[in-house]
C-alpha atoms as a PDB file:
ATOM      1  CA  MET A   1     162.063  -3.066  38.072  1.00  0.00           C
ATOM      2  CA  GLU A   2     165.598  -1.860  38.621  1.00  0.00           C
ATOM      3  CA  LEU A   3     166.320   1.822  38.410  1.00  0.00           C
ATOM      4  CA  LYS A   4     169.512   3.060  36.816  1.00  0.00           C
ATOM      5  CA  GLU A   5     171.534   5.043  39.319  1.00  0.00           C
ATOM      6  CA  GLN A   6     173.090   7.344  36.684  1.00  0.00           C
ATOM      7  CA  GLU A   7     169.606   8.380  35.491  1.00  0.00           C
ATOM      8  CA  LEU A   8     168.498   9.053  39.051  1.00  0.00           C
ATOM      9  CA  ASP A   9     171.699  11.050  39.710  1.00  0.00           C
ATOM     10  CA  LYS A  10     171.061  13.287  36.744  1.00  0.00           C
ATOM     11  CA  LEU A  11     167.342  13.721  37.615  1.00  0.00           C
ATOM     12  CA  TYR A  12     167.943  14.553  41.275  1.00  0.00           C
ATOM     13  CA  GLN A  13     170.787  16.904  40.466  1.00  0.00           C
ATOM     14  CA  SER A  14     168.508  18.777  38.032  1.00  0.00           C
ATOM     15  CA  TYR A  15     166.279  19.588  41.073  1.00  0.00           C
ATOM     16  CA  GLY A  16     169.207  20.819  43.195  1.00  0.00           C
ATOM     17  CA  PHE A  17     169.813  17.627  45.223  1.00  0.00           C
ATOM     18  CA  LYS A  18     173.304  16.405  46.014  1.00  0.00           C
ATOM     19  CA  LYS A  19     174.140  12.724  45.981  1.00  0.00           C
ATOM     20  CA  ILE A  20     175.260  11.358  49.329  1.00  0.00           C
ATOM     21  CA  ALA A  21     176.941   8.027  50.005  1.00  0.00           C
ATOM     22  CA  SER A  22     174.466   5.427  51.172  1.00  0.00           C
ATOM     23  CA  GLY A  23     176.972   2.838  52.217  1.00  0.00           C
ATOM     24  CA  TYR A  24     174.614   0.165  50.960  1.00  0.00           C
ATOM     25  CA  PRO A  25     174.614  -1.625  47.605  1.00  0.00           C
ATOM     26  CA  ASN A  26     171.540  -0.956  45.454  1.00  0.00           C
ATOM     27  CA  VAL A  27     170.514   2.141  47.451  1.00  0.00           C
ATOM     28  CA  ALA A  28     170.843   5.717  46.234  1.00  0.00           C
ATOM     29  CA  ALA A  29     170.501   8.701  48.547  1.00  0.00           C
ATOM     30  CA  TYR A  30     170.174  12.383  47.756  1.00  0.00           C
ATOM     31  CA  SER A  31     170.084  15.420  50.054  1.00  0.00           C
ATOM     32  CA  LEU A  32     168.543  18.834  49.753  1.00  0.00           C
ATOM     33  CA  GLN A  33     169.093  21.543  52.302  1.00  0.00           C
ATOM     34  CA  THR A  34     166.265  24.054  52.673  1.00  0.00           C
ATOM     35  CA  GLY A  35     166.954  26.661  55.334  1.00  0.00           C
ATOM     36  CA  HIS A  36     167.798  24.907  58.522  1.00  0.00           C
ATOM     37  CA  PHE A  37     166.433  21.591  57.352  1.00  0.00           C
ATOM     38  CA  LEU A  38     168.542  18.822  55.863  1.00  0.00           C
ATOM     39  CA  ASN A  39     166.353  16.419  53.900  1.00  0.00           C
ATOM     40  CA  ALA A  40     167.310  13.101  52.327  1.00  0.00           C
ATOM     41  CA  ASP A  41     165.536  10.897  49.812  1.00  0.00           C
ATOM     42  CA  ILE A  42     166.504   7.211  50.060  1.00  0.00           C
ATOM     43  CA  ILE A  43     165.736   5.186  46.946  1.00  0.00           C
ATOM     44  CA  PRO A  44     166.167   1.432  46.504  1.00  0.00           C
ATOM     45  CA  LEU A  45     167.467   0.679  43.080  1.00  0.00           C
ATOM     46  CA  GLN A  46     166.032  -2.835  43.284  1.00  0.00           C
ATOM     47  CA  PRO A  47     163.851  -4.479  45.962  1.00  0.00           C
ATOM     48  CA  ILE A  48     165.725  -4.765  49.248  1.00  0.00           C
ATOM     49  CA  THR A  49     164.659  -5.527  52.813  1.00  0.00           C
ATOM     50  CA  ASN A  50     166.877  -3.330  55.045  1.00  0.00           C
ATOM     51  CA  LEU A  51     165.497   0.101  54.086  1.00  0.00           C
ATOM     52  CA  GLU A  52     164.428   0.918  57.628  1.00  0.00           C
ATOM     53  CA  LYS A  53     167.995   0.316  58.822  1.00  0.00           C
ATOM     54  CA  VAL A  54     169.255   2.716  56.122  1.00  0.00           C
ATOM     55  CA  ARG A  55     166.681   5.347  57.056  1.00  0.00           C
ATOM     56  CA  LYS A  56     167.520   5.053  60.745  1.00  0.00           C
ATOM     57  CA  GLU A  57     171.229   5.678  60.068  1.00  0.00           C
ATOM     58  CA  TYR A  58     170.420   8.845  58.115  1.00  0.00           C
ATOM     59  CA  VAL A  59     168.007  10.101  60.792  1.00  0.00           C
ATOM     60  CA  GLU A  60     170.753   9.577  63.412  1.00  0.00           C
ATOM     61  CA  SER A  61     173.043  11.684  61.196  1.00  0.00           C
ATOM     62  CA  GLY A  62     170.588  14.579  61.290  1.00  0.00           C
ATOM     63  CA  TYR A  63     168.611  14.077  58.082  1.00  0.00           C
ATOM     64  CA  ALA A  64     164.843  14.233  57.747  1.00  0.00           C
ATOM     65  CA  CYS A  65     164.390  11.118  55.560  1.00  0.00           C
ATOM     66  CA  THR A  66     161.876   9.832  53.141  1.00  0.00           C
ATOM     67  CA  ILE A  67     162.094   6.446  51.476  1.00  0.00           C
ATOM     68  CA  ARG A  68     160.891   6.713  47.919  1.00  0.00           C
ATOM     69  CA  GLU A  69     160.218   3.603  45.916  1.00  0.00           C
ATOM     70  CA  TYR A  70     159.857   4.201  42.182  1.00  0.00           C
ATOM     71  CA  ASP A  71     159.008   1.764  39.409  1.00  0.00           C
ATOM     72  CA  SER A  72     160.494   3.954  36.687  1.00  0.00           C
ATOM     73  CA  ILE A  73     162.561   7.069  36.095  1.00  0.00           C
ATOM     74  CA  GLU A  74     159.433   8.697  34.714  1.00  0.00           C
ATOM     75  CA  GLU A  75     157.631   8.107  38.007  1.00  0.00           C
ATOM     76  CA  ALA A  76     160.574   9.632  39.919  1.00  0.00           C
ATOM     77  CA  ASP A  77     160.561  12.640  37.596  1.00  0.00           C
ATOM     78  CA  GLU A  78     156.804  13.217  38.045  1.00  0.00           C
ATOM     79  CA  ASP A  79     157.071  12.876  41.849  1.00  0.00           C
ATOM     80  CA  LEU A  80     159.997  15.301  42.015  1.00  0.00           C
ATOM     81  CA  PHE A  81     158.208  17.800  39.770  1.00  0.00           C
ATOM     82  CA  LEU A  82     155.001  17.715  41.818  1.00  0.00           C
ATOM     83  CA  GLY A  83     156.934  17.986  45.063  1.00  0.00           C
ATOM     84  CA  PHE A  84     159.281  20.677  43.908  1.00  0.00           C
ATOM     85  CA  PHE A  85     156.630  22.937  42.483  1.00  0.00           C
ATOM     86  CA  ALA A  86     153.929  21.989  44.992  1.00  0.00           C
ATOM     87  CA  ALA A  87     151.554  21.578  42.101  1.00  0.00           C
ATOM     88  CA  LYS A  88     148.550  20.381  44.102  1.00  0.00           C
ATOM     89  CA  SER A  89     148.701  23.110  46.711  1.00  0.00           C
ATOM     90  CA  SER A  90     149.461  25.759  44.066  1.00  0.00           C
ATOM     91  CA  ARG A  91     146.393  24.719  42.039  1.00  0.00           C
ATOM     92  CA  CYS A  92     144.260  24.800  45.131  1.00  0.00           C
ATOM     93  CA  ARG A  93     145.531  28.221  46.185  1.00  0.00           C
ATOM     94  CA  LEU A  94     145.096  29.656  42.662  1.00  0.00           C
ATOM     95  CA  ASN A  95     141.557  28.256  42.443  1.00  0.00           C
ATOM     96  CA  GLN A  96     140.670  29.864  45.798  1.00  0.00           C
ATOM     97  CA  GLU A  97     142.110  33.189  44.622  1.00  0.00           C
ATOM     98  CA  TYR A  98     140.151  32.928  41.381  1.00  0.00           C
ATOM     99  CA  GLN A  99     136.927  32.176  43.233  1.00  0.00           C
ATOM    100  CA  LYS A 100     137.548  35.130  45.535  1.00  0.00           C
ATOM    101  CA  TYR A 101     138.313  37.445  42.661  1.00  0.00           C
ATOM    102  CA  SER A 102     135.358  36.340  40.512  1.00  0.00           C
ATOM    103  CA  GLY A 103     133.055  36.707  43.521  1.00  0.00           C
ATOM    104  CA  LYS A 104     134.192  40.335  44.008  1.00  0.00           C
ATOM    105  CA  ILE A 105     133.714  41.056  40.305  1.00  0.00           C
ATOM    106  CA  SER A 106     130.176  39.578  40.350  1.00  0.00           C
ATOM    107  CA  SER A 107     129.026  41.560  43.378  1.00  0.00           C
END
């Protein structure tokens, strides 16, 4: 499935990412700077074969890169949400805190 670049642009910008030029047709790239770290998501808009070459160029430019392949804008949205809010680790931490608290109340 082909992703629509304008939809991805809007979605990634809503999470604070900035679009960066990929220099490749059918590839979108977005960066997010957190502290000293400069991260980049590289997303093929349709199946392509030279993704590793694209990733290597960004790494050489100083980015910590992740290639993300999505089948739909909904999948991209869910992945960004879970990553941005660290939902899995937050649930785990909250569950541990709850267990600790309920154990203290019980004893």
